Amino acid sequence: DTAIYYCAANARNRASDYTTGFESEYDYWGQ
């Protein structure tokens, strides 16, 4: 599990139960 962990936000208007594992679906990233 050793790694740098990043938080990401999908800022597109999606359904209330929408989740995704695709990086391309995320618009903002932490450091």
PDB file of all heavy atoms in Angstrom:
ATOM      1  N   ASP A   1       0.816  -1.210   0.000  1.00  0.00           N
ATOM      2  CA  ASP A   1       0.000   0.000   0.000  1.00  0.00           C
ATOM      3  C   ASP A   1       0.854   1.266   0.000  1.00  0.00           C
ATOM      4  O   ASP A   1       0.319   2.372  -0.111  1.00  0.00           O
ATOM      5  CB  ASP A   1      -0.927   0.023   1.230  1.00  0.00           C
ATOM      6  CG  ASP A   1      -1.961  -1.080   1.209  1.00  0.00           C
ATOM      7  OD1 ASP A   1      -2.533  -1.346   0.136  1.00  0.00           O
ATOM      8  OD2 ASP A   1      -2.198  -1.677   2.286  1.00  0.00           O
ATOM      9  N   THR A   2       2.157   1.105   0.123  1.00  0.00           N
ATOM     10  CA  THR A   2       3.059   2.253   0.109  1.00  0.00           C
ATOM     11  C   THR A   2       2.946   2.999  -1.206  1.00  0.00           C
ATOM     12  O   THR A   2       3.095   2.407  -2.281  1.00  0.00           O
ATOM     13  CB  THR A   2       4.504   1.794   0.336  1.00  0.00           C
ATOM     14  OG1 THR A   2       4.619   1.263   1.662  1.00  0.00           O
ATOM     15  CG2 THR A   2       5.468   2.967   0.173  1.00  0.00           C
ATOM     16  N   ALA A   3       2.673   4.288  -1.122  1.00  0.00           N
ATOM     17  CA  ALA A   3       2.469   5.100  -2.324  1.00  0.00           C
ATOM     18  C   ALA A   3       2.195   6.541  -1.913  1.00  0.00           C
ATOM     19  O   ALA A   3       1.975   6.829  -0.729  1.00  0.00           O
ATOM     20  CB  ALA A   3       1.291   4.572  -3.135  1.00  0.00           C
ATOM     21  N   ILE A   4       2.185   7.400  -2.911  1.00  0.00           N
ATOM     22  CA  ILE A   4       1.636   8.738  -2.725  1.00  0.00           C
ATOM     23  C   ILE A   4       0.146   8.642  -3.039  1.00  0.00           C
ATOM     24  O   ILE A   4      -0.234   8.132  -4.106  1.00  0.00           O
ATOM     25  CB  ILE A   4       2.313   9.768  -3.631  1.00  0.00           C
ATOM     26  CG1 ILE A   4       3.810   9.843  -3.326  1.00  0.00           C
ATOM     27  CG2 ILE A   4       1.671  11.138  -3.457  1.00  0.00           C
ATOM     28  CD1 ILE A   4       4.587  10.716  -4.287  1.00  0.00           C
ATOM     29  N   TYR A   5      -0.670   9.135  -2.133  1.00  0.00           N
ATOM     30  CA  TYR A   5      -2.119   9.072  -2.291  1.00  0.00           C
ATOM     31  C   TYR A   5      -2.657  10.442  -2.693  1.00  0.00           C
ATOM     32  O   TYR A   5      -2.343  11.455  -2.049  1.00  0.00           O
ATOM     33  CB  TYR A   5      -2.776   8.602  -1.000  1.00  0.00           C
ATOM     34  CG  TYR A   5      -2.637   7.116  -0.790  1.00  0.00           C
ATOM     35  CD1 TYR A   5      -1.398   6.555  -0.467  1.00  0.00           C
ATOM     36  CD2 TYR A   5      -3.718   6.259  -0.940  1.00  0.00           C
ATOM     37  CE1 TYR A   5      -1.260   5.185  -0.297  1.00  0.00           C
ATOM     38  CE2 TYR A   5      -3.592   4.889  -0.769  1.00  0.00           C
ATOM     39  CZ  TYR A   5      -2.358   4.361  -0.448  1.00  0.00           C
ATOM     40  OH  TYR A   5      -2.222   3.003  -0.288  1.00  0.00           O
ATOM     41  N   TYR A   6      -3.474  10.436  -3.738  1.00  0.00           N
ATOM     42  CA  TYR A   6      -4.031  11.657  -4.293  1.00  0.00           C
ATOM     43  C   TYR A   6      -5.554  11.673  -4.161  1.00  0.00           C
ATOM     44  O   TYR A   6      -6.213  10.663  -4.418  1.00  0.00           O
ATOM     45  CB  TYR A   6      -3.685  11.779  -5.769  1.00  0.00           C
ATOM     46  CG  TYR A   6      -2.216  11.873  -6.057  1.00  0.00           C
ATOM     47  CD1 TYR A   6      -1.470  10.732  -6.316  1.00  0.00           C
ATOM     48  CD2 TYR A   6      -1.569  13.105  -6.101  1.00  0.00           C
ATOM     49  CE1 TYR A   6      -0.111  10.808  -6.594  1.00  0.00           C
ATOM     50  CE2 TYR A   6      -0.212  13.195  -6.382  1.00  0.00           C
ATOM     51  CZ  TYR A   6       0.503  12.043  -6.629  1.00  0.00           C
ATOM     52  OH  TYR A   6       1.846  12.119  -6.897  1.00  0.00           O
ATOM     53  N   CYS A   7      -6.063  12.830  -3.836  1.00  0.00           N
ATOM     54  CA  CYS A   7      -7.499  13.083  -3.819  1.00  0.00           C
ATOM     55  C   CYS A   7      -7.859  13.749  -5.151  1.00  0.00           C
ATOM     56  O   CYS A   7      -7.087  14.553  -5.676  1.00  0.00           O
ATOM     57  CB  CYS A   7      -7.806  14.020  -2.649  1.00  0.00           C
ATOM     58  SG  CYS A   7      -9.500  14.574  -2.512  1.00  0.00           S
ATOM     59  N   ALA A   8      -9.020  13.406  -5.695  1.00  0.00           N
ATOM     60  CA  ALA A   8      -9.443  13.966  -6.970  1.00  0.00           C
ATOM     61  C   ALA A   8     -10.941  14.247  -6.964  1.00  0.00           C
ATOM     62  O   ALA A   8     -11.697  13.554  -6.276  1.00  0.00           O
ATOM     63  CB  ALA A   8      -9.097  13.007  -8.107  1.00  0.00           C
ATOM     64  N   ALA A   9     -11.326  15.254  -7.751  1.00  0.00           N
ATOM     65  CA  ALA A   9     -12.729  15.672  -7.811  1.00  0.00           C
ATOM     66  C   ALA A   9     -13.253  15.609  -9.238  1.00  0.00           C
ATOM     67  O   ALA A   9     -12.591  16.088 -10.168  1.00  0.00           O
ATOM     68  CB  ALA A   9     -12.886  17.088  -7.270  1.00  0.00           C
ATOM     69  N   ASN A  10     -14.430  15.022  -9.386  1.00  0.00           N
ATOM     70  CA  ASN A  10     -15.162  15.037 -10.653  1.00  0.00           C
ATOM     71  C   ASN A  10     -16.198  16.148 -10.554  1.00  0.00           C
ATOM     72  O   ASN A  10     -17.197  16.008  -9.851  1.00  0.00           O
ATOM     73  CB  ASN A  10     -15.822  13.680 -10.871  1.00  0.00           C
ATOM     74  CG  ASN A  10     -16.733  13.651 -12.077  1.00  0.00           C
ATOM     75  OD1 ASN A  10     -17.764  14.327 -12.104  1.00  0.00           O
ATOM     76  ND2 ASN A  10     -16.368  12.885 -13.086  1.00  0.00           N
ATOM     77  N   ALA A  11     -15.932  17.253 -11.265  1.00  0.00           N
ATOM     78  CA  ALA A  11     -16.773  18.441 -11.132  1.00  0.00           C
ATOM     79  C   ALA A  11     -17.873  18.523 -12.193  1.00  0.00           C
ATOM     80  O   ALA A  11     -18.502  19.565 -12.364  1.00  0.00           O
ATOM     81  CB  ALA A  11     -15.909  19.693 -11.198  1.00  0.00           C
ATOM     82  N   ARG A  12     -18.096  17.421 -12.898  1.00  0.00           N
ATOM     83  CA  ARG A  12     -19.138  17.385 -13.914  1.00  0.00           C
ATOM     84  C   ARG A  12     -20.447  16.968 -13.255  1.00  0.00           C
ATOM     85  O   ARG A  12     -20.449  16.175 -12.326  1.00  0.00           O
ATOM     86  CB  ARG A  12     -18.738  16.402 -15.006  1.00  0.00           C
ATOM     87  CG  ARG A  12     -17.335  16.720 -15.529  1.00  0.00           C
ATOM     88  CD  ARG A  12     -16.716  15.595 -16.304  1.00  0.00           C
ATOM     89  NE  ARG A  12     -15.265  15.713 -16.270  1.00  0.00           N
ATOM     90  CZ  ARG A  12     -14.445  14.954 -16.970  1.00  0.00           C
ATOM     91  NH1 ARG A  12     -14.921  14.008 -17.765  1.00  0.00           N
ATOM     92  NH2 ARG A  12     -13.137  15.126 -16.873  1.00  0.00           N
ATOM     93  N   ASN A  13     -21.514  17.453 -13.764  1.00  0.00           N
ATOM     94  CA  ASN A  13     -22.806  17.196 -13.137  1.00  0.00           C
ATOM     95  C   ASN A  13     -23.251  15.768 -13.416  1.00  0.00           C
ATOM     96  O   ASN A  13     -23.655  15.445 -14.524  1.00  0.00           O
ATOM     97  CB  ASN A  13     -23.840  18.183 -13.662  1.00  0.00           C
ATOM     98  CG  ASN A  13     -25.097  18.187 -12.829  1.00  0.00           C
ATOM     99  OD1 ASN A  13     -25.136  17.625 -11.730  1.00  0.00           O
ATOM    100  ND2 ASN A  13     -26.137  18.801 -13.345  1.00  0.00           N
ATOM    101  N   ARG A  14     -23.147  14.933 -12.408  1.00  0.00           N
ATOM    102  CA  ARG A  14     -23.454  13.516 -12.576  1.00  0.00           C
ATOM    103  C   ARG A  14     -24.593  13.102 -11.663  1.00  0.00           C
ATOM    104  O   ARG A  14     -24.996  13.836 -10.771  1.00  0.00           O
ATOM    105  CB  ARG A  14     -22.213  12.679 -12.258  1.00  0.00           C
ATOM    106  CG  ARG A  14     -20.999  12.959 -13.135  1.00  0.00           C
ATOM    107  CD  ARG A  14     -21.204  12.575 -14.559  1.00  0.00           C
ATOM    108  NE  ARG A  14     -19.947  12.588 -15.319  1.00  0.00           N
ATOM    109  CZ  ARG A  14     -19.869  12.410 -16.628  1.00  0.00           C
ATOM    110  NH1 ARG A  14     -20.978  12.226 -17.318  1.00  0.00           N
ATOM    111  NH2 ARG A  14     -18.694  12.424 -17.226  1.00  0.00           N
ATOM    112  N   ALA A  15     -25.053  11.884 -11.886  1.00  0.00           N
ATOM    113  CA  ALA A  15     -26.118  11.347 -11.045  1.00  0.00           C
ATOM    114  C   ALA A  15     -25.650  11.181  -9.605  1.00  0.00           C
ATOM    115  O   ALA A  15     -24.445  11.070  -9.342  1.00  0.00           O
ATOM    116  CB  ALA A  15     -26.574   9.999 -11.593  1.00  0.00           C
ATOM    117  N   SER A  16     -26.597  11.157  -8.707  1.00  0.00           N
ATOM    118  CA  SER A  16     -26.273  11.125  -7.280  1.00  0.00           C
ATOM    119  C   SER A  16     -25.551   9.857  -6.858  1.00  0.00           C
ATOM    120  O   SER A  16     -24.935   9.823  -5.798  1.00  0.00           O
ATOM    121  CB  SER A  16     -27.549  11.281  -6.458  1.00  0.00           C
ATOM    122  OG  SER A  16     -28.439  10.207  -6.724  1.00  0.00           O
ATOM    123  N   ASP A  17     -25.617   8.802  -7.700  1.00  0.00           N
ATOM    124  CA  ASP A  17     -24.950   7.551  -7.348  1.00  0.00           C
ATOM    125  C   ASP A  17     -23.731   7.278  -8.242  1.00  0.00           C
ATOM    126  O   ASP A  17     -23.222   6.167  -8.294  1.00  0.00           O
ATOM    127  CB  ASP A  17     -25.917   6.380  -7.432  1.00  0.00           C
ATOM    128  CG  ASP A  17     -26.490   6.196  -8.829  1.00  0.00           C
ATOM    129  OD1 ASP A  17     -26.293   7.090  -9.679  1.00  0.00           O
ATOM    130  OD2 ASP A  17     -27.157   5.169  -9.061  1.00  0.00           O
ATOM    131  N   TYR A  18     -23.268   8.318  -8.920  1.00  0.00           N
ATOM    132  CA  TYR A  18     -22.167   8.161  -9.873  1.00  0.00           C
ATOM    133  C   TYR A  18     -20.825   8.062  -9.161  1.00  0.00           C
ATOM    134  O   TYR A  18     -20.483   8.898  -8.315  1.00  0.00           O
ATOM    135  CB  TYR A  18     -22.138   9.339 -10.836  1.00  0.00           C
ATOM    136  CG  TYR A  18     -20.980   9.318 -11.804  1.00  0.00           C
ATOM    137  CD1 TYR A  18     -21.029   8.547 -12.958  1.00  0.00           C
ATOM    138  CD2 TYR A  18     -19.834  10.085 -11.566  1.00  0.00           C
ATOM    139  CE1 TYR A  18     -19.964   8.532 -13.847  1.00  0.00           C
ATOM    140  CE2 TYR A  18     -18.773  10.081 -12.449  1.00  0.00           C
ATOM    141  CZ  TYR A  18     -18.851   9.305 -13.595  1.00  0.00           C
ATOM    142  OH  TYR A  18     -17.800   9.292 -14.470  1.00  0.00           O
ATOM    143  N   THR A  19     -20.056   7.034  -9.523  1.00  0.00           N
ATOM    144  CA  THR A  19     -18.666   6.902  -9.093  1.00  0.00           C
ATOM    145  C   THR A  19     -17.858   6.472 -10.294  1.00  0.00           C
ATOM    146  O   THR A  19     -18.395   5.924 -11.257  1.00  0.00           O
ATOM    147  CB  THR A  19     -18.497   5.854  -7.975  1.00  0.00           C
ATOM    148  OG1 THR A  19     -18.880   4.562  -8.478  1.00  0.00           O
ATOM    149  CG2 THR A  19     -19.327   6.198  -6.750  1.00  0.00           C
ATOM    150  N   THR A  20     -16.563   6.689 -10.263  1.00  0.00           N
ATOM    151  CA  THR A  20     -15.730   6.283 -11.389  1.00  0.00           C
ATOM    152  C   THR A  20     -14.308   6.024 -10.941  1.00  0.00           C
ATOM    153  O   THR A  20     -13.798   6.702 -10.044  1.00  0.00           O
ATOM    154  CB  THR A  20     -15.750   7.337 -12.501  1.00  0.00           C
ATOM    155  OG1 THR A  20     -14.909   6.885 -13.576  1.00  0.00           O
ATOM    156  CG2 THR A  20     -15.239   8.685 -12.014  1.00  0.00           C
ATOM    157  N   GLY A  21     -13.667   5.096 -11.625  1.00  0.00           N
ATOM    158  CA  GLY A  21     -12.269   4.792 -11.359  1.00  0.00           C
ATOM    159  C   GLY A  21     -11.348   5.280 -12.473  1.00  0.00           C
ATOM    160  O   GLY A  21     -10.146   5.001 -12.447  1.00  0.00           O
ATOM    161  N   PHE A  22     -11.901   6.020 -13.430  1.00  0.00           N
ATOM    162  CA  PHE A  22     -11.105   6.496 -14.561  1.00  0.00           C
ATOM    163  C   PHE A  22     -10.494   7.867 -14.256  1.00  0.00           C
ATOM    164  O   PHE A  22     -11.203   8.823 -13.975  1.00  0.00           O
ATOM    165  CB  PHE A  22     -11.964   6.592 -15.819  1.00  0.00           C
ATOM    166  CG  PHE A  22     -12.426   5.263 -16.332  1.00  0.00           C
ATOM    167  CD1 PHE A  22     -13.729   4.846 -16.134  1.00  0.00           C
ATOM    168  CD2 PHE A  22     -11.553   4.422 -17.009  1.00  0.00           C
ATOM    169  CE1 PHE A  22     -14.164   3.615 -16.597  1.00  0.00           C
ATOM    170  CE2 PHE A  22     -11.974   3.186 -17.469  1.00  0.00           C
ATOM    171  CZ  PHE A  22     -13.282   2.783 -17.269  1.00  0.00           C
ATOM    172  N   GLU A  23      -9.181   7.956 -14.375  1.00  0.00           N
ATOM    173  CA  GLU A  23      -8.502   9.229 -14.125  1.00  0.00           C
ATOM    174  C   GLU A  23      -9.033  10.347 -15.003  1.00  0.00           C
ATOM    175  O   GLU A  23      -9.159  11.492 -14.552  1.00  0.00           O
ATOM    176  CB  GLU A  23      -6.999   9.078 -14.382  1.00  0.00           C
ATOM    177  CG  GLU A  23      -6.240   8.352 -13.299  1.00  0.00           C
ATOM    178  CD  GLU A  23      -4.734   8.512 -13.445  1.00  0.00           C
ATOM    179  OE1 GLU A  23      -4.275   9.640 -13.691  1.00  0.00           O
ATOM    180  OE2 GLU A  23      -4.029   7.509 -13.304  1.00  0.00           O
ATOM    181  N   SER A  24      -9.359  10.021 -16.240  1.00  0.00           N
ATOM    182  CA  SER A  24      -9.813  11.034 -17.193  1.00  0.00           C
ATOM    183  C   SER A  24     -11.140  11.668 -16.788  1.00  0.00           C
ATOM    184  O   SER A  24     -11.517  12.711 -17.320  1.00  0.00           O
ATOM    185  CB  SER A  24      -9.933  10.424 -18.589  1.00  0.00           C
ATOM    186  OG  SER A  24     -10.876   9.367 -18.570  1.00  0.00           O
ATOM    187  N   GLU A  25     -11.846  11.050 -15.878  1.00  0.00           N
ATOM    188  CA  GLU A  25     -13.124  11.591 -15.414  1.00  0.00           C
ATOM    189  C   GLU A  25     -12.961  12.607 -14.287  1.00  0.00           C
ATOM    190  O   GLU A  25     -13.937  13.212 -13.867  1.00  0.00           O
ATOM    191  CB  GLU A  25     -14.027  10.452 -14.929  1.00  0.00           C
ATOM    192  CG  GLU A  25     -14.592   9.601 -16.054  1.00  0.00           C
ATOM    193  CD  GLU A  25     -15.616  10.359 -16.877  1.00  0.00           C
ATOM    194  OE1 GLU A  25     -16.554  10.936 -16.302  1.00  0.00           O
ATOM    195  OE2 GLU A  25     -15.460  10.389 -18.122  1.00  0.00           O
ATOM    196  N   TYR A  26     -11.751  12.801 -13.819  1.00  0.00           N
ATOM    197  CA  TYR A  26     -11.513  13.721 -12.710  1.00  0.00           C
ATOM    198  C   TYR A  26     -10.898  15.015 -13.210  1.00  0.00           C
ATOM    199  O   TYR A  26      -9.994  15.012 -14.035  1.00  0.00           O
ATOM    200  CB  TYR A  26     -10.630  13.058 -11.653  1.00  0.00           C
ATOM    201  CG  TYR A  26     -11.374  11.972 -10.911  1.00  0.00           C
ATOM    202  CD1 TYR A  26     -11.365  10.659 -11.360  1.00  0.00           C
ATOM    203  CD2 TYR A  26     -12.126  12.277  -9.779  1.00  0.00           C
ATOM    204  CE1 TYR A  26     -12.086   9.667 -10.698  1.00  0.00           C
ATOM    205  CE2 TYR A  26     -12.839  11.286  -9.111  1.00  0.00           C
ATOM    206  CZ  TYR A  26     -12.822   9.994  -9.580  1.00  0.00           C
ATOM    207  OH  TYR A  26     -13.527   9.028  -8.917  1.00  0.00           O
ATOM    208  N   ASP A  27     -11.414  16.116 -12.686  1.00  0.00           N
ATOM    209  CA  ASP A  27     -11.037  17.432 -13.176  1.00  0.00           C
ATOM    210  C   ASP A  27     -10.000  18.128 -12.310  1.00  0.00           C
ATOM    211  O   ASP A  27      -9.255  18.984 -12.793  1.00  0.00           O
ATOM    212  CB  ASP A  27     -12.286  18.320 -13.246  1.00  0.00           C
ATOM    213  CG  ASP A  27     -13.374  17.681 -14.086  1.00  0.00           C
ATOM    214  OD1 ASP A  27     -13.175  17.569 -15.309  1.00  0.00           O
ATOM    215  OD2 ASP A  27     -14.409  17.273 -13.508  1.00  0.00           O
ATOM    216  N   TYR A  28      -9.985  17.814 -11.033  1.00  0.00           N
ATOM    217  CA  TYR A  28      -9.078  18.480 -10.100  1.00  0.00           C
ATOM    218  C   TYR A  28      -8.354  17.445  -9.249  1.00  0.00           C
ATOM    219  O   TYR A  28      -8.942  16.424  -8.859  1.00  0.00           O
ATOM    220  CB  TYR A  28      -9.859  19.447  -9.197  1.00  0.00           C
ATOM    221  CG  TYR A  28     -10.594  20.513  -9.954  1.00  0.00           C
ATOM    222  CD1 TYR A  28     -11.958  20.407 -10.202  1.00  0.00           C
ATOM    223  CD2 TYR A  28      -9.917  21.622 -10.444  1.00  0.00           C
ATOM    224  CE1 TYR A  28     -12.638  21.383 -10.911  1.00  0.00           C
ATOM    225  CE2 TYR A  28     -10.588  22.608 -11.155  1.00  0.00           C
ATOM    226  CZ  TYR A  28     -11.935  22.471 -11.383  1.00  0.00           C
ATOM    227  OH  TYR A  28     -12.599  23.448 -12.084  1.00  0.00           O
ATOM    228  N   TRP A  29      -7.092  17.766  -8.943  1.00  0.00           N
ATOM    229  CA  TRP A  29      -6.237  16.853  -8.189  1.00  0.00           C
ATOM    230  C   TRP A  29      -5.507  17.599  -7.093  1.00  0.00           C
ATOM    231  O   TRP A  29      -5.126  18.759  -7.260  1.00  0.00           O
ATOM    232  CB  TRP A  29      -5.207  16.209  -9.118  1.00  0.00           C
ATOM    233  CG  TRP A  29      -5.825  15.319 -10.144  1.00  0.00           C
ATOM    234  CD1 TRP A  29      -6.400  15.700 -11.330  1.00  0.00           C
ATOM    235  CD2 TRP A  29      -5.940  13.896 -10.080  1.00  0.00           C
ATOM    236  NE1 TRP A  29      -6.872  14.600 -11.992  1.00  0.00           N
ATOM    237  CE2 TRP A  29      -6.606  13.475 -11.261  1.00  0.00           C
ATOM    238  CE3 TRP A  29      -5.557  12.940  -9.145  1.00  0.00           C
ATOM    239  CZ2 TRP A  29      -6.885  12.133 -11.521  1.00  0.00           C
ATOM    240  CZ3 TRP A  29      -5.827  11.604  -9.405  1.00  0.00           C
ATOM    241  CH2 TRP A  29      -6.482  11.211 -10.585  1.00  0.00           C
ATOM    242  N   GLY A  30      -5.300  16.892  -5.983  1.00  0.00           N
ATOM    243  CA  GLY A  30      -4.461  17.436  -4.934  1.00  0.00           C
ATOM    244  C   GLY A  30      -2.995  17.135  -5.205  1.00  0.00           C
ATOM    245  O   GLY A  30      -2.650  16.500  -6.207  1.00  0.00           O
ATOM    246  N   GLN A  31      -2.141  17.578  -4.296  1.00  0.00           N
ATOM    247  CA  GLN A  31      -0.694  17.400  -4.450  1.00  0.00           C
ATOM    248  C   GLN A  31      -0.225  16.049  -3.935  1.00  0.00           C
ATOM    249  O   GLN A  31       0.893  15.623  -4.249  1.00  0.00           O
ATOM    250  CB  GLN A  31       0.043  18.513  -3.708  1.00  0.00           C
ATOM    251  CG  GLN A  31      -0.161  19.884  -4.320  1.00  0.00           C
ATOM    252  CD  GLN A  31       0.316  19.941  -5.747  1.00  0.00           C
ATOM    253  OE1 GLN A  31       1.454  19.608  -6.064  1.00  0.00           O
ATOM    254  NE2 GLN A  31      -0.567  20.354  -6.649  1.00  0.00           N
TER     255      GLN A  31
END
